[in-house]
Structure formats: structure tokens, C-alpha cells
Amino acid sequence: MQLPSQRWNYVMTTPTHKADGEVSGTCMTIVKASQIFFGVCVFGNFHIVLATYLHKSLRSKCGLLLAILAFCDLWCLAFELFSAVRLLTHTSTMTRSRCFWSISPYVVIENGETCMLLVVGFDRLMAICFPFKYRVIPTERYIAALIAPGVIYSCSLFILSAIKMNNDMIPVCNLPLAYPEDMSYLWNTLTMVSCVMTLLVYFLTYLPDALQICPENGRFCCLGSDQNPESLGQHIGFKRSFLCGLVAVISGYNFCYKANGI
């Protein structure tokens, strides 16, 4: 996964513009190549959202969270496409305030998407460690409680950035350059913390499987030879499906942003 700090370093160190303000040939090649993967990423995210909408069986707690994550990623990809168009048409240089307001939906949704990655990991941790309690929690309240912190965080950062906005010229209209300098540092720090927390949550999620333990009646017990073969088979099947889903989501997110994170 391409961390926001890597995007920042990429923007600040890559010669995207020549001395006369034109986009460099290297950057143009990267932008053009990234569009090859754009359609693949849009196709995947769109069908996740569509399938969740059409099939009631997919509207589980995890399914809805993944659909929200895919929806956020669709919006982010759309604005990354606009960024690529600006670079290709040599219209990417503008004032920070103009850039910020022109991509304001992206500014909010991108932060929400970062939070959603953490939320999906937390959801899997809850499902594995507290399976019985997880099943009885009302889906609507559960989803609302998990996405509320991300909405508050995204809106707060947006409002603070709008208050501190200035009219400095920036070479590329995209994050994090759209933020004022102090808010860019804050955004970078908070996003790094979120990424570390996401990795930690996934580590804790996989820990019971690594130790061959599973929850039973709210407590952990060893998976030994006395385990019901049918239950053990279901548990192994669940682990495999969970692993495939997790790899698909993280790989898709990583693939899209390495291709479009300019």
C-alpha cells in the first residue's frame, strides 16, 4: 500500500515540472501508464457496489463496509483521473485555494477511505474474537457507529484546512499540496497513525489463526484433535475465504494508488 507520506515525498522530489512550468516527460509517461489500470480498478469497485445493492445476501456487516470502501475508492479514482487530465493538458498549476475547493469532495472522501480501511480490519477482528456478540448487534447501528468517527475526522480536517487556506501557487493540484503546509503535516501524521493502526488490527486478527486458537463461548480454546471435523472444516474454509477477500481488497487499494497516486 502506498502510504500518504510516500505520496508526499513523490510529489516533492519527482521533477513533475520543468523550469518553464511544463510537465516533465517522465511524469507524462507515468500518468499515461496509470490510465491502463484505471479501468480495471473502476470495474472492480463498481461491481462490488452493484453486487451489494442487487443481492441481499451480500448486505452483511462486512459486506456493507466493503461496499462503502469501494464507493469511496470510486470517487477517489475519479478525482485522480481529473488530476491526470490536468497534467496532460498542462493546467495543473494553480493557487492552493482554487485547487482545494475544486477537489473538495475528494479531500473529504479520501480521508474517509483511509478510515474505512481501519474500520474493515476492526470489523474482522470483532467477528473473529467475539462471534456471538457480533451476530446479535443490529447492522444499521453497527455500521453507523463504525463510520461516524471517520466522517467526523474527515469533516474536521476539511474545515480546519478551509480556515487556514492561502493563495500560494502549487505545481500540481492534488493531495497533499492542496492542504496548507501545517495542515499537510498534520494530515500526513494522522494518516500514518491510521495506517499503523490498520496493520496492527490485521495482525491481531490473524494472531488467533497463527496460534491455532478459536473463540468458543466468548473464550479462546485450542484447535486440537478433539475439534469437531465439520466445525474445523468450516473454520478453515472461513480462514481461506477471509484471506482471499483481504488480499483482494488490500491489493486493489495498493494497485490503484500506486497507479494513480501522483
Protein backbone atom coordinates (compact mmCIF):
# COMPACT_ATOMS: atom_id res chain seq x y z
CA MET A 1 0.00 0.00 0.00
CA GLN A 2 1.34 3.42 -0.90
CA LEU A 3 1.35 5.45 2.26
CA PRO A 4 0.45 9.17 2.12
CA SER A 5 3.96 10.07 3.24
CA GLN A 6 5.27 8.28 0.16
CA ARG A 7 2.90 10.31 -2.00
CA TRP A 8 4.19 13.48 -0.33
CA ASN A 9 7.82 12.53 -0.93
CA TYR A 10 6.98 11.58 -4.50
CA VAL A 11 5.38 14.93 -5.21
CA MET A 12 8.14 16.91 -3.55
CA THR A 13 11.08 15.00 -5.06
CA THR A 14 9.89 13.96 -8.52
CA PRO A 15 10.57 16.56 -11.24
CA THR A 16 6.98 16.86 -12.39
CA HIS A 17 7.58 20.30 -13.86
CA LYS A 18 10.47 21.76 -15.80
CA ALA A 19 11.85 25.22 -15.16
CA ASP A 20 9.42 26.74 -17.67
CA GLY A 21 6.44 25.14 -15.94
CA GLU A 22 5.86 22.28 -18.40
CA VAL A 23 5.23 18.77 -17.19
CA SER A 24 8.32 16.57 -17.49
CA GLY A 25 8.40 13.64 -19.89
CA THR A 26 8.86 11.16 -17.04
CA CYS A 27 5.73 12.35 -15.29
CA MET A 28 3.74 12.30 -18.52
CA THR A 29 4.75 8.68 -19.10
CA ILE A 30 3.68 7.71 -15.58
CA VAL A 31 0.34 9.45 -16.00
CA LYS A 32 -0.37 7.74 -19.31
CA ALA A 33 0.64 4.32 -18.00
CA SER A 34 -1.54 4.70 -14.92
CA GLN A 35 -4.65 5.03 -17.07
CA ILE A 36 -4.21 1.43 -18.21
CA PHE A 37 -5.05 0.28 -14.69
CA PHE A 38 -7.72 2.89 -14.07
CA GLY A 39 -10.43 0.95 -15.89
CA VAL A 40 -9.60 -2.28 -14.06
CA CYS A 41 -9.87 -0.56 -10.66
CA VAL A 42 -13.14 1.18 -11.57
CA PHE A 43 -14.58 -2.09 -12.88
CA GLY A 44 -13.83 -3.91 -9.62
CA ASN A 45 -15.12 -1.21 -7.29
CA PHE A 46 -18.25 -0.60 -9.35
CA HIS A 47 -19.22 -4.26 -9.34
CA ILE A 48 -18.66 -4.56 -5.59
CA VAL A 49 -21.13 -1.71 -5.06
CA LEU A 50 -23.55 -3.06 -7.65
CA ALA A 51 -23.46 -6.62 -6.32
CA THR A 52 -24.08 -5.43 -2.77
CA TYR A 53 -27.04 -3.38 -3.95
CA LEU A 54 -28.61 -6.19 -6.02
CA HIS A 55 -28.00 -9.15 -3.70
CA LYS A 56 -29.41 -9.03 -0.21
CA SER A 57 -27.16 -11.89 0.89
CA LEU A 58 -24.14 -9.60 0.47
CA ARG A 59 -25.53 -6.94 2.78
CA SER A 60 -23.86 -8.32 5.88
CA LYS A 61 -21.94 -6.04 8.21
CA CYS A 62 -18.66 -6.75 6.46
CA GLY A 63 -20.28 -6.66 3.01
CA LEU A 64 -21.74 -3.21 3.59
CA LEU A 65 -18.44 -1.89 4.93
CA LEU A 66 -16.61 -3.21 1.87
CA ALA A 67 -19.22 -1.63 -0.38
CA ILE A 68 -18.74 1.73 1.35
CA LEU A 69 -14.98 1.36 0.94
CA ALA A 70 -15.39 0.55 -2.77
CA PHE A 71 -17.72 3.54 -3.22
CA CYS A 72 -15.15 5.86 -1.61
CA ASP A 73 -12.44 4.43 -3.82
CA LEU A 74 -14.55 5.05 -6.93
CA TRP A 75 -14.76 8.75 -6.07
CA CYS A 76 -11.05 8.93 -5.32
CA LEU A 77 -10.21 7.29 -8.64
CA ALA A 78 -12.46 9.76 -10.46
CA PHE A 79 -10.63 12.74 -8.97
CA GLU A 80 -7.27 11.11 -9.65
CA LEU A 81 -8.38 10.86 -13.29
CA PHE A 82 -9.17 14.58 -13.27
CA SER A 83 -5.70 15.19 -11.85
CA ALA A 84 -4.18 13.18 -14.68
CA VAL A 85 -6.19 15.16 -17.24
CA ARG A 86 -4.92 18.44 -15.77
CA LEU A 87 -1.35 17.19 -16.04
CA LEU A 88 -1.81 16.03 -19.62
CA THR A 89 -3.41 19.34 -20.61
CA HIS A 90 -0.82 21.42 -18.72
CA THR A 91 -3.42 23.01 -16.43
CA SER A 92 -2.31 21.52 -13.13
CA THR A 93 -0.61 24.65 -11.80
CA MET A 94 -2.94 26.90 -9.81
CA THR A 95 -3.41 28.60 -6.46
CA ARG A 96 -3.83 26.38 -3.44
CA SER A 97 -7.26 27.77 -2.58
CA ARG A 98 -8.59 27.19 -6.09
CA CYS A 99 -7.22 23.65 -6.07
CA PHE A 100 -8.62 22.91 -2.60
CA TRP A 101 -12.15 23.93 -3.46
CA SER A 102 -12.10 22.26 -6.88
CA ILE A 103 -11.28 18.88 -5.30
CA SER A 104 -13.10 19.45 -2.00
CA PRO A 105 -15.24 16.26 -2.28
CA TYR A 106 -12.04 14.28 -2.86
CA VAL A 107 -10.40 15.89 0.18
CA VAL A 108 -13.23 14.63 2.40
CA ILE A 109 -13.72 11.21 0.81
CA GLU A 110 -10.01 10.33 0.68
CA ASN A 111 -9.72 10.74 4.44
CA GLY A 112 -12.90 8.72 4.90
CA GLU A 113 -11.46 5.94 2.77
CA THR A 114 -8.34 5.80 4.91
CA CYS A 115 -10.53 5.39 7.97
CA MET A 116 -12.60 2.71 6.23
CA LEU A 117 -9.54 0.51 5.81
CA LEU A 118 -9.11 0.59 9.58
CA VAL A 119 -12.84 0.02 10.11
CA VAL A 120 -12.89 -3.10 7.90
CA GLY A 121 -9.96 -4.53 9.86
CA PHE A 122 -11.68 -3.78 13.16
CA ASP A 123 -14.86 -5.43 11.87
CA ARG A 124 -12.99 -8.65 11.06
CA LEU A 125 -11.32 -8.58 14.47
CA MET A 126 -14.71 -8.26 16.16
CA ALA A 127 -16.20 -11.06 14.05
CA ILE A 128 -13.40 -13.48 14.92
CA CYS A 129 -12.84 -12.67 18.58
CA PHE A 130 -16.47 -12.08 19.60
CA PRO A 131 -18.55 -14.08 17.07
CA PHE A 132 -21.70 -14.44 19.16
CA LYS A 133 -21.90 -10.81 20.23
CA TYR A 134 -21.03 -9.75 16.68
CA ARG A 135 -24.00 -11.58 15.21
CA VAL A 136 -26.59 -10.04 17.52
CA ILE A 137 -25.53 -6.41 17.06
CA PRO A 138 -28.07 -4.58 14.82
CA THR A 139 -26.45 -4.00 11.45
CA GLU A 140 -27.64 -0.40 10.97
CA ARG A 141 -26.41 0.78 14.37
CA TYR A 142 -23.16 -1.12 13.97
CA ILE A 143 -22.37 0.42 10.58
CA ALA A 144 -23.32 3.92 11.76
CA ALA A 145 -21.14 3.62 14.87
CA LEU A 146 -18.10 2.48 12.87
CA ILE A 147 -18.23 5.09 10.11
CA ALA A 148 -19.13 8.04 12.38
CA PRO A 149 -15.53 8.64 13.63
CA GLY A 150 -14.24 8.71 10.05
CA VAL A 151 -16.91 11.20 8.99
CA ILE A 152 -16.11 13.46 11.96
CA TYR A 153 -12.37 13.23 11.28
CA SER A 154 -12.75 13.98 7.55
CA CYS A 155 -15.07 16.94 8.08
CA SER A 156 -12.93 18.39 10.89
CA LEU A 157 -9.76 18.25 8.81
CA PHE A 158 -11.58 19.80 5.87
CA ILE A 159 -12.95 22.70 7.98
CA LEU A 160 -9.58 23.41 9.60
CA SER A 161 -7.89 23.38 6.19
CA ALA A 162 -10.50 25.76 4.77
CA ILE A 163 -9.92 28.17 7.67
CA LYS A 164 -6.14 28.15 7.17
CA MET A 165 -6.29 28.26 3.36
CA ASN A 166 -3.95 30.54 1.40
CA ASN A 167 -3.40 31.53 -2.24
CA ASP A 168 0.13 30.17 -2.71
CA MET A 169 0.87 28.70 -6.13
CA ILE A 170 1.27 24.92 -6.25
CA PRO A 171 2.74 22.91 -9.19
CA VAL A 172 0.22 20.04 -9.05
CA CYS A 173 -3.39 20.23 -7.85
CA ASN A 174 -3.62 17.10 -5.74
CA LEU A 175 -3.18 15.95 -2.18
CA PRO A 176 -1.27 16.78 -0.08
CA LEU A 177 -0.30 20.01 -1.86
CA ALA A 178 -3.92 21.21 -1.68
CA TYR A 179 -3.58 21.49 2.10
CA PRO A 180 -1.88 24.46 3.79
CA GLU A 181 1.61 23.47 4.92
CA ASP A 182 0.79 22.96 8.61
CA MET A 183 -2.39 21.03 7.79
CA SER A 184 -0.46 18.93 5.29
CA TYR A 185 1.93 17.90 8.06
CA LEU A 186 -1.00 17.12 10.37
CA TRP A 187 -2.77 15.12 7.65
CA ASN A 188 0.40 13.17 6.91
CA THR A 189 0.95 12.35 10.59
CA LEU A 190 -2.64 11.30 11.28
CA THR A 191 -2.79 9.16 8.15
CA MET A 192 0.45 7.43 9.09
CA VAL A 193 -1.02 6.68 12.52
CA SER A 194 -4.15 5.29 10.86
CA CYS A 195 -2.08 3.06 8.58
CA VAL A 196 -0.06 1.70 11.51
CA MET A 197 -3.25 1.03 13.46
CA THR A 198 -4.71 -0.77 10.43
CA LEU A 199 -1.69 -3.06 10.22
CA LEU A 200 -1.87 -3.70 13.95
CA VAL A 201 -5.57 -4.61 13.79
CA TYR A 202 -4.96 -7.07 10.94
CA PHE A 203 -2.06 -8.57 12.89
CA LEU A 204 -4.31 -9.11 15.90
CA THR A 205 -6.95 -10.59 13.60
CA TYR A 206 -4.55 -13.19 12.25
CA LEU A 207 -2.96 -13.95 15.64
CA PRO A 208 -5.62 -16.48 16.75
CA ASP A 209 -5.15 -18.41 13.50
CA ALA A 210 -1.38 -18.32 13.82
CA LEU A 211 -1.66 -19.74 17.36
CA GLN A 212 -4.35 -22.22 16.27
CA ILE A 213 -6.94 -20.92 18.69
CA CYS A 214 -10.55 -20.08 18.11
CA PRO A 215 -13.24 -18.36 20.21
CA GLU A 216 -15.81 -20.54 21.89
CA ASN A 217 -18.50 -19.14 24.14
CA GLY A 218 -16.62 -15.86 24.33
CA ARG A 219 -13.36 -17.53 25.35
CA PHE A 220 -10.43 -18.97 23.45
CA CYS A 221 -9.80 -22.71 23.16
CA CYS A 222 -7.19 -24.74 21.33
CA LEU A 223 -7.93 -26.36 18.00
CA GLY A 224 -6.90 -29.91 18.74
CA SER A 225 -7.76 -33.36 17.56
CA ASP A 226 -10.96 -33.29 19.61
CA GLN A 227 -12.33 -30.47 17.48
CA ASN A 228 -15.44 -31.42 15.52
CA PRO A 229 -14.19 -32.24 11.97
CA GLU A 230 -17.14 -30.44 10.38
CA SER A 231 -16.60 -27.33 12.51
CA LEU A 232 -12.88 -27.45 11.86
CA GLY A 233 -13.50 -27.67 8.13
CA GLN A 234 -15.84 -24.69 8.27
CA HIS A 235 -13.27 -22.74 10.27
CA ILE A 236 -10.54 -23.50 7.74
CA GLY A 237 -12.87 -22.54 4.90
CA PHE A 238 -13.67 -19.28 6.65
CA LYS A 239 -9.98 -18.51 7.08
CA ARG A 240 -9.31 -19.14 3.41
CA SER A 241 -12.21 -17.00 2.22
CA PHE A 242 -11.27 -14.25 4.64
CA LEU A 243 -7.65 -14.33 3.47
CA CYS A 244 -8.67 -14.18 -0.20
CA GLY A 245 -11.03 -11.26 0.47
CA LEU A 246 -8.44 -9.37 2.48
CA VAL A 247 -5.73 -9.87 -0.14
CA ALA A 248 -8.13 -8.73 -2.88
CA VAL A 249 -9.15 -5.55 -1.04
CA ILE A 250 -5.64 -4.51 0.04
CA SER A 251 -4.12 -5.43 -3.34
CA GLY A 252 -6.78 -3.46 -5.18
CA TYR A 253 -6.26 -0.42 -2.97
CA ASN A 254 -2.50 -0.65 -3.32
CA PHE A 255 -2.67 -1.23 -7.08
CA CYS A 256 -4.97 1.72 -7.72
CA TYR A 257 -2.98 4.23 -5.71
CA LYS A 258 0.39 3.16 -6.98
CA ALA A 259 -1.00 3.68 -10.46
CA ASN A 260 -2.81 6.96 -9.72
CA GLY A 261 -1.02 8.41 -6.70
CA ILE A 262 0.79 11.25 -8.40
